[in-house]
Amino acid sequence: MTTTLLPLQSSAIQLRDTIEYPAGVSSKVLIKDNNCQYNLLCLAAGSEVAEHFSPRNATVNVIEGKGILTLEGKDIVLESGVFVFMPARALHALKAESNLAFILTLSEPH
């Protein structure tokens, strides 16, 4: 069972209080239901996530830091304010150039 930071009801959290940069990648589930999962991902500078795909749609909302998302062979600069949509099964990889924090939302494709 996955532990979540928020209950499945109207709620709020201060993201700055939950951002941590241990070596590598940190992932915290903020909230999850049957259709969506909202995660806070934090990557320490220099960390990489190898190319992979997800069976679910995904969005990335960058909170802070800088990185490069390679999505289906195209590099996208990740920095504060950037929003990315990734359809299910899209190949992607990630490299943090500086400490990088973002919200990753996973949803079931229709």
PDB file of N, CA and C in Angstrom:
ATOM      1  N   MET A   1       0.831  -1.185   0.000  1.00  0.00           N
ATOM      2  CA  MET A   1       0.000   0.000   0.000  1.00  0.00           C
ATOM      3  C   MET A   1       0.872   1.243   0.000  1.00  0.00           C
ATOM      4  N   THR A   2       0.506   2.219  -0.826  1.00  0.00           N
ATOM      5  CA  THR A   2       1.257   3.455  -0.941  1.00  0.00           C
ATOM      6  C   THR A   2       0.769   4.466   0.088  1.00  0.00           C
ATOM      7  N   THR A   3       1.700   5.088   0.791  1.00  0.00           N
ATOM      8  CA  THR A   3       1.351   6.143   1.723  1.00  0.00           C
ATOM      9  C   THR A   3       1.253   7.452   0.961  1.00  0.00           C
ATOM     10  N   THR A   4       0.184   8.198   1.191  1.00  0.00           N
ATOM     11  CA  THR A   4       0.005   9.487   0.531  1.00  0.00           C
ATOM     12  C   THR A   4       0.113  10.609   1.555  1.00  0.00           C
ATOM     13  N   LEU A   5       0.489  11.794   1.084  1.00  0.00           N
ATOM     14  CA  LEU A   5       0.644  12.938   1.976  1.00  0.00           C
ATOM     15  C   LEU A   5      -0.670  13.648   2.252  1.00  0.00           C
ATOM     16  N   LEU A   6      -1.659  13.489   1.366  1.00  0.00           N
ATOM     17  CA  LEU A   6      -2.945  14.168   1.522  1.00  0.00           C
ATOM     18  C   LEU A   6      -4.086  13.163   1.546  1.00  0.00           C
ATOM     19  N   PRO A   7      -5.127  13.441   2.310  1.00  0.00           N
ATOM     20  CA  PRO A   7      -6.305  12.559   2.290  1.00  0.00           C
ATOM     21  C   PRO A   7      -7.092  12.782   1.007  1.00  0.00           C
ATOM     22  N   LEU A   8      -7.917  11.832   0.663  1.00  0.00           N
ATOM     23  CA  LEU A   8      -8.718  11.912  -0.559  1.00  0.00           C
ATOM     24  C   LEU A   8      -9.991  12.724  -0.274  1.00  0.00           C
ATOM     25  N   GLN A   9      -9.759  13.998  -0.002  1.00  0.00           N
ATOM     26  CA  GLN A   9     -10.824  14.970   0.245  1.00  0.00           C
ATOM     27  C   GLN A   9     -10.223  16.348  -0.002  1.00  0.00           C
ATOM     28  N   SER A  10     -11.026  17.383   0.048  1.00  0.00           N
ATOM     29  CA  SER A  10     -10.497  18.731  -0.155  1.00  0.00           C
ATOM     30  C   SER A  10      -9.372  18.970   0.844  1.00  0.00           C
ATOM     31  N   SER A  11      -8.202  19.333   0.337  1.00  0.00           N
ATOM     32  CA  SER A  11      -7.050  19.533   1.213  1.00  0.00           C
ATOM     33  C   SER A  11      -5.994  20.348   0.492  1.00  0.00           C
ATOM     34  N   ALA A  12      -4.987  20.775   1.238  1.00  0.00           N
ATOM     35  CA  ALA A  12      -3.905  21.581   0.678  1.00  0.00           C
ATOM     36  C   ALA A  12      -2.607  21.243   1.392  1.00  0.00           C
ATOM     37  N   ILE A  13      -1.509  21.551   0.708  1.00  0.00           N
ATOM     38  CA  ILE A  13      -0.184  21.304   1.278  1.00  0.00           C
ATOM     39  C   ILE A  13       0.766  22.386   0.759  1.00  0.00           C
ATOM     40  N   GLN A  14       1.735  22.775   1.563  1.00  0.00           N
ATOM     41  CA  GLN A  14       2.767  23.716   1.123  1.00  0.00           C
ATOM     42  C   GLN A  14       3.900  22.880   0.540  1.00  0.00           C
ATOM     43  N   LEU A  15       4.043  22.906  -0.779  1.00  0.00           N
ATOM     44  CA  LEU A  15       5.031  22.060  -1.449  1.00  0.00           C
ATOM     45  C   LEU A  15       6.455  22.345  -0.987  1.00  0.00           C
ATOM     46  N   ARG A  16       6.760  23.598  -0.689  1.00  0.00           N
ATOM     47  CA  ARG A  16       8.129  23.926  -0.235  1.00  0.00           C
ATOM     48  C   ARG A  16       8.524  23.109   0.986  1.00  0.00           C
ATOM     49  N   ASP A  17       7.544  22.765   1.824  1.00  0.00           N
ATOM     50  CA  ASP A  17       7.831  21.998   3.043  1.00  0.00           C
ATOM     51  C   ASP A  17       8.106  20.526   2.756  1.00  0.00           C
ATOM     52  N   THR A  18       7.782  20.040   1.569  1.00  0.00           N
ATOM     53  CA  THR A  18       7.954  18.619   1.252  1.00  0.00           C
ATOM     54  C   THR A  18       9.080  18.358   0.264  1.00  0.00           C
ATOM     55  N   ILE A  19       9.650  19.425  -0.326  1.00  0.00           N
ATOM     56  CA  ILE A  19      10.748  19.252  -1.292  1.00  0.00           C
ATOM     57  C   ILE A  19      12.027  18.897  -0.552  1.00  0.00           C
ATOM     58  N   GLU A  20      12.649  17.796  -0.974  1.00  0.00           N
ATOM     59  CA  GLU A  20      13.930  17.335  -0.422  1.00  0.00           C
ATOM     60  C   GLU A  20      14.769  16.833  -1.580  1.00  0.00           C
ATOM     61  N   TYR A  21      16.073  17.018  -1.484  1.00  0.00           N
ATOM     62  CA  TYR A  21      16.973  16.571  -2.541  1.00  0.00           C
ATOM     63  C   TYR A  21      18.013  15.591  -2.008  1.00  0.00           C
ATOM     64  N   PRO A  22      17.601  14.375  -1.674  1.00  0.00           N
ATOM     65  CA  PRO A  22      18.595  13.359  -1.330  1.00  0.00           C
ATOM     66  C   PRO A  22      19.330  12.969  -2.614  1.00  0.00           C
ATOM     67  N   ALA A  23      20.399  12.228  -2.495  1.00  0.00           N
ATOM     68  CA  ALA A  23      21.119  11.770  -3.689  1.00  0.00           C
ATOM     69  C   ALA A  23      20.152  10.995  -4.575  1.00  0.00           C
ATOM     70  N   GLY A  24      20.167  11.283  -5.864  1.00  0.00           N
ATOM     71  CA  GLY A  24      19.311  10.552  -6.794  1.00  0.00           C
ATOM     72  C   GLY A  24      17.937  11.161  -6.919  1.00  0.00           C
ATOM     73  N   VAL A  25      16.911  10.298  -6.892  1.00  0.00           N
ATOM     74  CA  VAL A  25      15.532  10.703  -7.151  1.00  0.00           C
ATOM     75  C   VAL A  25      14.666  10.388  -5.932  1.00  0.00           C
ATOM     76  N   SER A  26      13.841  11.352  -5.545  1.00  0.00           N
ATOM     77  CA  SER A  26      12.879  11.160  -4.462  1.00  0.00           C
ATOM     78  C   SER A  26      11.478  11.323  -5.049  1.00  0.00           C
ATOM     79  N   SER A  27      10.574  10.410  -4.715  1.00  0.00           N
ATOM     80  CA  SER A  27       9.201  10.481  -5.193  1.00  0.00           C
ATOM     81  C   SER A  27       8.260  10.328  -4.013  1.00  0.00           C
ATOM     82  N   LYS A  28       7.332  11.282  -3.873  1.00  0.00           N
ATOM     83  CA  LYS A  28       6.329  11.238  -2.810  1.00  0.00           C
ATOM     84  C   LYS A  28       4.956  11.311  -3.459  1.00  0.00           C
ATOM     85  N   VAL A  29       4.074  10.400  -3.097  1.00  0.00           N
ATOM     86  CA  VAL A  29       2.704  10.431  -3.594  1.00  0.00           C
ATOM     87  C   VAL A  29       1.947  11.481  -2.782  1.00  0.00           C
ATOM     88  N   LEU A  30       1.428  12.496  -3.484  1.00  0.00           N
ATOM     89  CA  LEU A  30       0.640  13.518  -2.816  1.00  0.00           C
ATOM     90  C   LEU A  30      -0.788  13.033  -2.589  1.00  0.00           C
ATOM     91  N   ILE A  31      -1.376  12.491  -3.643  1.00  0.00           N
ATOM     92  CA  ILE A  31      -2.741  11.972  -3.546  1.00  0.00           C
ATOM     93  C   ILE A  31      -2.966  11.001  -4.698  1.00  0.00           C
ATOM     94  N   LYS A  32      -3.847  10.028  -4.468  1.00  0.00           N
ATOM     95  CA  LYS A  32      -4.090   8.991  -5.464  1.00  0.00           C
ATOM     96  C   LYS A  32      -5.538   8.545  -5.380  1.00  0.00           C
ATOM     97  N   ASP A  33      -6.153   8.357  -6.552  1.00  0.00           N
ATOM     98  CA  ASP A  33      -7.476   7.748  -6.596  1.00  0.00           C
ATOM     99  C   ASP A  33      -7.468   6.686  -7.695  1.00  0.00           C
ATOM    100  N   ASN A  34      -8.618   6.211  -8.104  1.00  0.00           N
ATOM    101  CA  ASN A  34      -8.659   5.143  -9.104  1.00  0.00           C
ATOM    102  C   ASN A  34      -8.226   5.578 -10.495  1.00  0.00           C
ATOM    103  N   ASN A  35      -8.242   6.884 -10.783  1.00  0.00           N
ATOM    104  CA  ASN A  35      -7.920   7.368 -12.124  1.00  0.00           C
ATOM    105  C   ASN A  35      -6.620   8.155 -12.225  1.00  0.00           C
ATOM    106  N   CYS A  36      -6.234   8.826 -11.156  1.00  0.00           N
ATOM    107  CA  CYS A  36      -5.055   9.700 -11.194  1.00  0.00           C
ATOM    108  C   CYS A  36      -4.164   9.492  -9.977  1.00  0.00           C
ATOM    109  N   GLN A  37      -2.892   9.787 -10.193  1.00  0.00           N
ATOM    110  CA  GLN A  37      -1.928   9.802  -9.094  1.00  0.00           C
ATOM    111  C   GLN A  37      -1.076  11.046  -9.261  1.00  0.00           C
ATOM    112  N   TYR A  38      -0.932  11.819  -8.175  1.00  0.00           N
ATOM    113  CA  TYR A  38      -0.179  13.059  -8.185  1.00  0.00           C
ATOM    114  C   TYR A  38       1.056  12.861  -7.316  1.00  0.00           C
ATOM    115  N   ASN A  39       2.236  12.988  -7.926  1.00  0.00           N
ATOM    116  CA  ASN A  39       3.498  12.735  -7.235  1.00  0.00           C
ATOM    117  C   ASN A  39       4.364  13.984  -7.225  1.00  0.00           C
ATOM    118  N   LEU A  40       5.097  14.176  -6.148  1.00  0.00           N
ATOM    119  CA  LEU A  40       6.137  15.188  -6.096  1.00  0.00           C
ATOM    120  C   LEU A  40       7.455  14.471  -6.350  1.00  0.00           C
ATOM    121  N   LEU A  41       8.115  14.813  -7.450  1.00  0.00           N
ATOM    122  CA  LEU A  41       9.423  14.229  -7.747  1.00  0.00           C
ATOM    123  C   LEU A  41      10.500  15.271  -7.538  1.00  0.00           C
ATOM    124  N   CYS A  42      11.573  14.869  -6.871  1.00  0.00           N
ATOM    125  CA  CYS A  42      12.716  15.733  -6.627  1.00  0.00           C
ATOM    126  C   CYS A  42      13.969  14.989  -7.100  1.00  0.00           C
ATOM    127  N   LEU A  43      14.709  15.614  -7.986  1.00  0.00           N
ATOM    128  CA  LEU A  43      15.949  15.023  -8.501  1.00  0.00           C
ATOM    129  C   LEU A  43      17.117  15.911  -8.107  1.00  0.00           C
ATOM    130  N   ALA A  44      18.118  15.332  -7.478  1.00  0.00           N
ATOM    131  CA  ALA A  44      19.321  16.071  -7.137  1.00  0.00           C
ATOM    132  C   ALA A  44      20.085  16.402  -8.415  1.00  0.00           C
ATOM    133  N   ALA A  45      20.796  17.511  -8.404  1.00  0.00           N
ATOM    134  CA  ALA A  45      21.582  17.933  -9.561  1.00  0.00           C
ATOM    135  C   ALA A  45      22.447  16.779 -10.053  1.00  0.00           C
ATOM    136  N   GLY A  46      22.426  16.553 -11.368  1.00  0.00           N
ATOM    137  CA  GLY A  46      23.217  15.490 -11.978  1.00  0.00           C
ATOM    138  C   GLY A  46      22.515  14.145 -12.047  1.00  0.00           C
ATOM    139  N   SER A  47      21.375  14.019 -11.401  1.00  0.00           N
ATOM    140  CA  SER A  47      20.632  12.751 -11.432  1.00  0.00           C
ATOM    141  C   SER A  47      20.001  12.536 -12.799  1.00  0.00           C
ATOM    142  N   GLU A  48      19.858  11.256 -13.165  1.00  0.00           N
ATOM    143  CA  GLU A  48      19.246  10.909 -14.445  1.00  0.00           C
ATOM    144  C   GLU A  48      18.231   9.798 -14.249  1.00  0.00           C
ATOM    145  N   VAL A  49      17.211   9.820 -15.090  1.00  0.00           N
ATOM    146  CA  VAL A  49      16.239   8.728 -15.172  1.00  0.00           C
ATOM    147  C   VAL A  49      16.355   8.183 -16.588  1.00  0.00           C
ATOM    148  N   ALA A  50      16.708   6.918 -16.714  1.00  0.00           N
ATOM    149  CA  ALA A  50      16.934   6.292 -18.023  1.00  0.00           C
ATOM    150  C   ALA A  50      15.640   6.274 -18.842  1.00  0.00           C
ATOM    151  N   GLU A  51      15.793   6.154 -20.150  1.00  0.00           N
ATOM    152  CA  GLU A  51      14.641   6.129 -21.047  1.00  0.00           C
ATOM    153  C   GLU A  51      13.693   4.990 -20.671  1.00  0.00           C
ATOM    154  N   HIS A  52      12.403   5.319 -20.635  1.00  0.00           N
ATOM    155  CA  HIS A  52      11.364   4.358 -20.285  1.00  0.00           C
ATOM    156  C   HIS A  52      10.034   4.881 -20.805  1.00  0.00           C
ATOM    157  N   PHE A  53       8.963   4.143 -20.564  1.00  0.00           N
ATOM    158  CA  PHE A  53       7.630   4.629 -20.885  1.00  0.00           C
ATOM    159  C   PHE A  53       6.681   4.211 -19.774  1.00  0.00           C
ATOM    160  N   SER A  54       5.519   4.850 -19.756  1.00  0.00           N
ATOM    161  CA  SER A  54       4.481   4.525 -18.788  1.00  0.00           C
ATOM    162  C   SER A  54       3.231   4.121 -19.554  1.00  0.00           C
ATOM    163  N   PRO A  55       2.462   3.174 -19.037  1.00  0.00           N
ATOM    164  CA  PRO A  55       1.207   2.814 -19.691  1.00  0.00           C
ATOM    165  C   PRO A  55       0.120   3.873 -19.483  1.00  0.00           C
ATOM    166  N   ARG A  56       0.430   4.911 -18.688  1.00  0.00           N
ATOM    167  CA  ARG A  56      -0.540   5.963 -18.396  1.00  0.00           C
ATOM    168  C   ARG A  56      -0.102   7.297 -19.011  1.00  0.00           C
ATOM    169  N   ASN A  57      -1.071   8.177 -19.244  1.00  0.00           N
ATOM    170  CA  ASN A  57      -0.760   9.553 -19.622  1.00  0.00           C
ATOM    171  C   ASN A  57      -0.058  10.210 -18.444  1.00  0.00           C
ATOM    172  N   ALA A  58       0.749  11.230 -18.732  1.00  0.00           N
ATOM    173  CA  ALA A  58       1.447  11.927 -17.661  1.00  0.00           C
ATOM    174  C   ALA A  58       1.561  13.412 -17.993  1.00  0.00           C
ATOM    175  N   THR A  59       1.568  14.226 -16.938  1.00  0.00           N
ATOM    176  CA  THR A  59       1.911  15.630 -17.083  1.00  0.00           C
ATOM    177  C   THR A  59       3.018  15.947 -16.094  1.00  0.00           C
ATOM    178  N   VAL A  60       3.825  16.931 -16.463  1.00  0.00           N
ATOM    179  CA  VAL A  60       4.897  17.432 -15.617  1.00  0.00           C
ATOM    180  C   VAL A  60       4.647  18.922 -15.419  1.00  0.00           C
ATOM    181  N   ASN A  61       4.612  19.362 -14.161  1.00  0.00           N
ATOM    182  CA  ASN A  61       4.503  20.779 -13.804  1.00  0.00           C
ATOM    183  C   ASN A  61       5.734  21.128 -12.983  1.00  0.00           C
ATOM    184  N   VAL A  62       6.667  21.875 -13.571  1.00  0.00           N
ATOM    185  CA  VAL A  62       7.931  22.161 -12.895  1.00  0.00           C
ATOM    186  C   VAL A  62       7.738  23.245 -11.836  1.00  0.00           C
ATOM    187  N   ILE A  63       8.227  22.951 -10.639  1.00  0.00           N
ATOM    188  CA  ILE A  63       8.149  23.879  -9.515  1.00  0.00           C
ATOM    189  C   ILE A  63       9.426  24.709  -9.435  1.00  0.00           C
ATOM    190  N   GLU A  64      10.587  24.027  -9.446  1.00  0.00           N
ATOM    191  CA  GLU A  64      11.858  24.735  -9.347  1.00  0.00           C
ATOM    192  C   GLU A  64      12.963  23.904  -9.960  1.00  0.00           C
ATOM    193  N   GLY A  65      14.072  24.572 -10.272  1.00  0.00           N
ATOM    194  CA  GLY A  65      15.238  23.900 -10.810  1.00  0.00           C
ATOM    195  C   GLY A  65      15.260  23.891 -12.316  1.00  0.00           C
ATOM    196  N   LYS A  66      16.212  23.100 -12.849  1.00  0.00           N
ATOM    197  CA  LYS A  66      16.376  23.026 -14.296  1.00  0.00           C
ATOM    198  C   LYS A  66      16.808  21.618 -14.682  1.00  0.00           C
ATOM    199  N   GLY A  67      16.272  21.156 -15.813  1.00  0.00           N
ATOM    200  CA  GLY A  67      16.624  19.841 -16.324  1.00  0.00           C
ATOM    201  C   GLY A  67      16.272  19.726 -17.788  1.00  0.00           C
ATOM    202  N   ILE A  68      16.557  18.577 -18.344  1.00  0.00           N
ATOM    203  CA  ILE A  68      16.232  18.277 -19.739  1.00  0.00           C
ATOM    204  C   ILE A  68      15.397  17.009 -19.763  1.00  0.00           C
ATOM    205  N   LEU A  69      14.211  17.109 -20.347  1.00  0.00           N
ATOM    206  CA  LEU A  69      13.347  15.966 -20.584  1.00  0.00           C
ATOM    207  C   LEU A  69      13.467  15.620 -22.059  1.00  0.00           C
ATOM    208  N   THR A  70      13.901  14.410 -22.359  1.00  0.00           N
ATOM    209  CA  THR A  70      13.927  13.946 -23.737  1.00  0.00           C
ATOM    210  C   THR A  70      12.666  13.138 -23.949  1.00  0.00           C
ATOM    211  N   LEU A  71      11.747  13.688 -24.746  1.00  0.00           N
ATOM    212  CA  LEU A  71      10.438  13.105 -24.976  1.00  0.00           C
ATOM    213  C   LEU A  71      10.314  12.742 -26.441  1.00  0.00           C
ATOM    214  N   GLU A  72      10.239  11.438 -26.712  1.00  0.00           N
ATOM    215  CA  GLU A  72      10.162  10.925 -28.077  1.00  0.00           C
ATOM    216  C   GLU A  72      11.239  11.539 -28.972  1.00  0.00           C
ATOM    217  N   GLY A  73      12.470  11.600 -28.447  1.00  0.00           N
ATOM    218  CA  GLY A  73      13.624  12.069 -29.205  1.00  0.00           C
ATOM    219  C   GLY A  73      13.817  13.574 -29.234  1.00  0.00           C
ATOM    220  N   LYS A  74      12.920  14.348 -28.621  1.00  0.00           N
ATOM    221  CA  LYS A  74      13.031  15.811 -28.629  1.00  0.00           C
ATOM    222  C   LYS A  74      13.349  16.302 -27.218  1.00  0.00           C
ATOM    223  N   ASP A  75      14.367  17.186 -27.111  1.00  0.00           N
ATOM    224  CA  ASP A  75      14.744  17.738 -25.811  1.00  0.00           C
ATOM    225  C   ASP A  75      13.840  18.913 -25.444  1.00  0.00           C
ATOM    226  N   ILE A  76      13.343  18.878 -24.213  1.00  0.00           N
ATOM    227  CA  ILE A  76      12.518  19.949 -23.668  1.00  0.00           C
ATOM    228  C   ILE A  76      13.207  20.464 -22.415  1.00  0.00           C
ATOM    229  N   VAL A  77      13.457  21.772 -22.355  1.00  0.00           N
ATOM    230  CA  VAL A  77      14.077  22.362 -21.171  1.00  0.00           C
ATOM    231  C   VAL A  77      13.018  22.474 -20.081  1.00  0.00           C
ATOM    232  N   LEU A  78      13.314  21.881 -18.951  1.00  0.00           N
ATOM    233  CA  LEU A  78      12.436  21.965 -17.787  1.00  0.00           C
ATOM    234  C   LEU A  78      12.954  23.056 -16.871  1.00  0.00           C
ATOM    235  N   GLU A  79      12.097  24.017 -16.574  1.00  0.00           N
ATOM    236  CA  GLU A  79      12.402  25.080 -15.625  1.00  0.00           C
ATOM    237  C   GLU A  79      11.088  25.558 -15.041  1.00  0.00           C
ATOM    238  N   SER A  80      11.146  26.331 -13.984  1.00  0.00           N
ATOM    239  CA  SER A  80       9.953  26.763 -13.274  1.00  0.00           C
ATOM    240  C   SER A  80       8.881  27.276 -14.236  1.00  0.00           C
ATOM    241  N   GLY A  81       7.666  26.758 -14.071  1.00  0.00           N
ATOM    242  CA  GLY A  81       6.544  27.195 -14.889  1.00  0.00           C
ATOM    243  C   GLY A  81       6.265  26.361 -16.113  1.00  0.00           C
ATOM    244  N   VAL A  82       7.169  25.456 -16.475  1.00  0.00           N
ATOM    245  CA  VAL A  82       6.969  24.635 -17.673  1.00  0.00           C
ATOM    246  C   VAL A  82       5.974  23.511 -17.371  1.00  0.00           C
ATOM    247  N   PHE A  83       5.063  23.289 -18.318  1.00  0.00           N
ATOM    248  CA  PHE A  83       4.066  22.218 -18.249  1.00  0.00           C
ATOM    249  C   PHE A  83       4.256  21.334 -19.473  1.00  0.00           C
ATOM    250  N   VAL A  84       4.305  20.020 -19.265  1.00  0.00           N
ATOM    251  CA  VAL A  84       4.508  19.064 -20.362  1.00  0.00           C
ATOM    252  C   VAL A  84       3.437  17.984 -20.271  1.00  0.00           C
ATOM    253  N   PHE A  85       2.868  17.613 -21.418  1.00  0.00           N
ATOM    254  CA  PHE A  85       1.967  16.463 -21.495  1.00  0.00           C
ATOM    255  C   PHE A  85       2.692  15.337 -22.214  1.00  0.00           C
ATOM    256  N   MET A  86       2.632  14.131 -21.652  1.00  0.00           N
ATOM    257  CA  MET A  86       3.218  12.945 -22.276  1.00  0.00           C
ATOM    258  C   MET A  86       2.127  11.900 -22.438  1.00  0.00           C
ATOM    259  N   PRO A  87       1.808  11.527 -23.671  1.00  0.00           N
ATOM    260  CA  PRO A  87       0.793  10.491 -23.847  1.00  0.00           C
ATOM    261  C   PRO A  87       1.314   9.128 -23.367  1.00  0.00           C
ATOM    262  N   ALA A  88       0.397   8.251 -23.052  1.00  0.00           N
ATOM    263  CA  ALA A  88       0.758   6.896 -22.632  1.00  0.00           C
ATOM    264  C   ALA A  88       1.708   6.271 -23.641  1.00  0.00           C
ATOM    265  N   ARG A  89       2.682   5.542 -23.146  1.00  0.00           N
ATOM    266  CA  ARG A  89       3.664   4.790 -23.919  1.00  0.00           C
ATOM    267  C   ARG A  89       4.683   5.652 -24.680  1.00  0.00           C
ATOM    268  N   ALA A  90       4.735   6.960 -24.410  1.00  0.00           N
ATOM    269  CA  ALA A  90       5.743   7.821 -25.046  1.00  0.00           C
ATOM    270  C   ALA A  90       7.092   7.588 -24.362  1.00  0.00           C
ATOM    271  N   LEU A  91       8.118   7.290 -25.141  1.00  0.00           N
ATOM    272  CA  LEU A  91       9.458   7.102 -24.575  1.00  0.00           C
ATOM    273  C   LEU A  91       9.985   8.440 -24.078  1.00  0.00           C
ATOM    274  N   HIS A  92      10.576   8.408 -22.874  1.00  0.00           N
ATOM    275  CA  HIS A  92      11.135   9.628 -22.318  1.00  0.00           C
ATOM    276  C   HIS A  92      12.256   9.309 -21.326  1.00  0.00           C
ATOM    277  N   ALA A  93      13.146  10.290 -21.143  1.00  0.00           N
ATOM    278  CA  ALA A  93      14.254  10.207 -20.197  1.00  0.00           C
ATOM    279  C   ALA A  93      14.424  11.597 -19.589  1.00  0.00           C
ATOM    280  N   LEU A  94      15.161  11.678 -18.478  1.00  0.00           N
ATOM    281  CA  LEU A  94      15.261  12.932 -17.749  1.00  0.00           C
ATOM    282  C   LEU A  94      16.641  13.094 -17.143  1.00  0.00           C
ATOM    283  N   LYS A  95      17.140  14.339 -17.190  1.00  0.00           N
ATOM    284  CA  LYS A  95      18.402  14.661 -16.522  1.00  0.00           C
ATOM    285  C   LYS A  95      18.228  15.986 -15.796  1.00  0.00           C
ATOM    286  N   ALA A  96      18.598  16.005 -14.515  1.00  0.00           N
ATOM    287  CA  ALA A  96      18.539  17.225 -13.709  1.00  0.00           C
ATOM    288  C   ALA A  96      19.860  17.967 -13.835  1.00  0.00           C
ATOM    289  N   GLU A  97      19.819  19.190 -14.358  1.00  0.00           N
ATOM    290  CA  GLU A  97      21.030  20.012 -14.450  1.00  0.00           C
ATOM    291  C   GLU A  97      21.319  20.697 -13.116  1.00  0.00           C
ATOM    292  N   SER A  98      20.260  21.049 -12.392  1.00  0.00           N
ATOM    293  CA  SER A  98      20.357  21.547 -11.024  1.00  0.00           C
ATOM    294  C   SER A  98      19.282  20.807 -10.233  1.00  0.00           C
ATOM    295  N   ASN A  99      19.214  21.018  -8.933  1.00  0.00           N
ATOM    296  CA  ASN A  99      18.129  20.390  -8.178  1.00  0.00           C
ATOM    297  C   ASN A  99      16.811  20.715  -8.864  1.00  0.00           C
ATOM    298  N   LEU A 100      15.991  19.691  -9.098  1.00  0.00           N
ATOM    299  CA  LEU A 100      14.779  19.836  -9.901  1.00  0.00           C
ATOM    300  C   LEU A 100      13.594  19.223  -9.159  1.00  0.00           C
ATOM    301  N   ALA A 101      12.507  19.998  -9.031  1.00  0.00           N
ATOM    302  CA  ALA A 101      11.295  19.498  -8.385  1.00  0.00           C
ATOM    303  C   ALA A 101      10.110  19.750  -9.308  1.00  0.00           C
ATOM    304  N   PHE A 102       9.238  18.730  -9.430  1.00  0.00           N
ATOM    305  CA  PHE A 102       8.047  18.888 -10.262  1.00  0.00           C
ATOM    306  C   PHE A 102       6.935  17.968  -9.782  1.00  0.00           C
ATOM    307  N   ILE A 103       5.717  18.328 -10.175  1.00  0.00           N
ATOM    308  CA  ILE A 103       4.555  17.488  -9.930  1.00  0.00           C
ATOM    309  C   ILE A 103       4.364  16.611 -11.156  1.00  0.00           C
ATOM    310  N   LEU A 104       4.332  15.309 -10.961  1.00  0.00           N
ATOM    311  CA  LEU A 104       4.071  14.349 -12.015  1.00  0.00           C
ATOM    312  C   LEU A 104       2.671  13.795 -11.767  1.00  0.00           C
ATOM    313  N   THR A 105       1.785  14.003 -12.737  1.00  0.00           N
ATOM    314  CA  THR A 105       0.426  13.488 -12.644  1.00  0.00           C
ATOM    315  C   THR A 105       0.273  12.357 -13.628  1.00  0.00           C
ATOM    316  N   LEU A 106      -0.153  11.201 -13.152  1.00  0.00           N
ATOM    317  CA  LEU A 106      -0.385  10.037 -14.001  1.00  0.00           C
ATOM    318  C   LEU A 106      -1.889   9.795 -14.075  1.00  0.00           C
ATOM    319  N   SER A 107      -2.392   9.597 -15.288  1.00  0.00           N
ATOM    320  CA  SER A 107      -3.822   9.352 -15.452  1.00  0.00           C
ATOM    321  C   SER A 107      -4.045   8.244 -16.464  1.00  0.00           C
ATOM    322  N   GLU A 108      -5.179   7.593 -16.337  1.00  0.00           N
ATOM    323  CA  GLU A 108      -5.516   6.495 -17.222  1.00  0.00           C
ATOM    324  C   GLU A 108      -5.882   7.034 -18.607  1.00  0.00           C
ATOM    325  N   PRO A 109      -5.319   6.447 -19.665  1.00  0.00           N
ATOM    326  CA  PRO A 109      -5.688   6.885 -21.018  1.00  0.00           C
ATOM    327  C   PRO A 109      -7.108   6.415 -21.347  1.00  0.00           C
ATOM    328  N   HIS A 110      -7.763   7.159 -22.220  1.00  0.00           N
ATOM    329  CA  HIS A 110      -9.130   6.793 -22.622  1.00  0.00           C
ATOM    330  C   HIS A 110      -9.136   6.294 -24.036  1.00  0.00           C
TER     331      HIS A 110
END
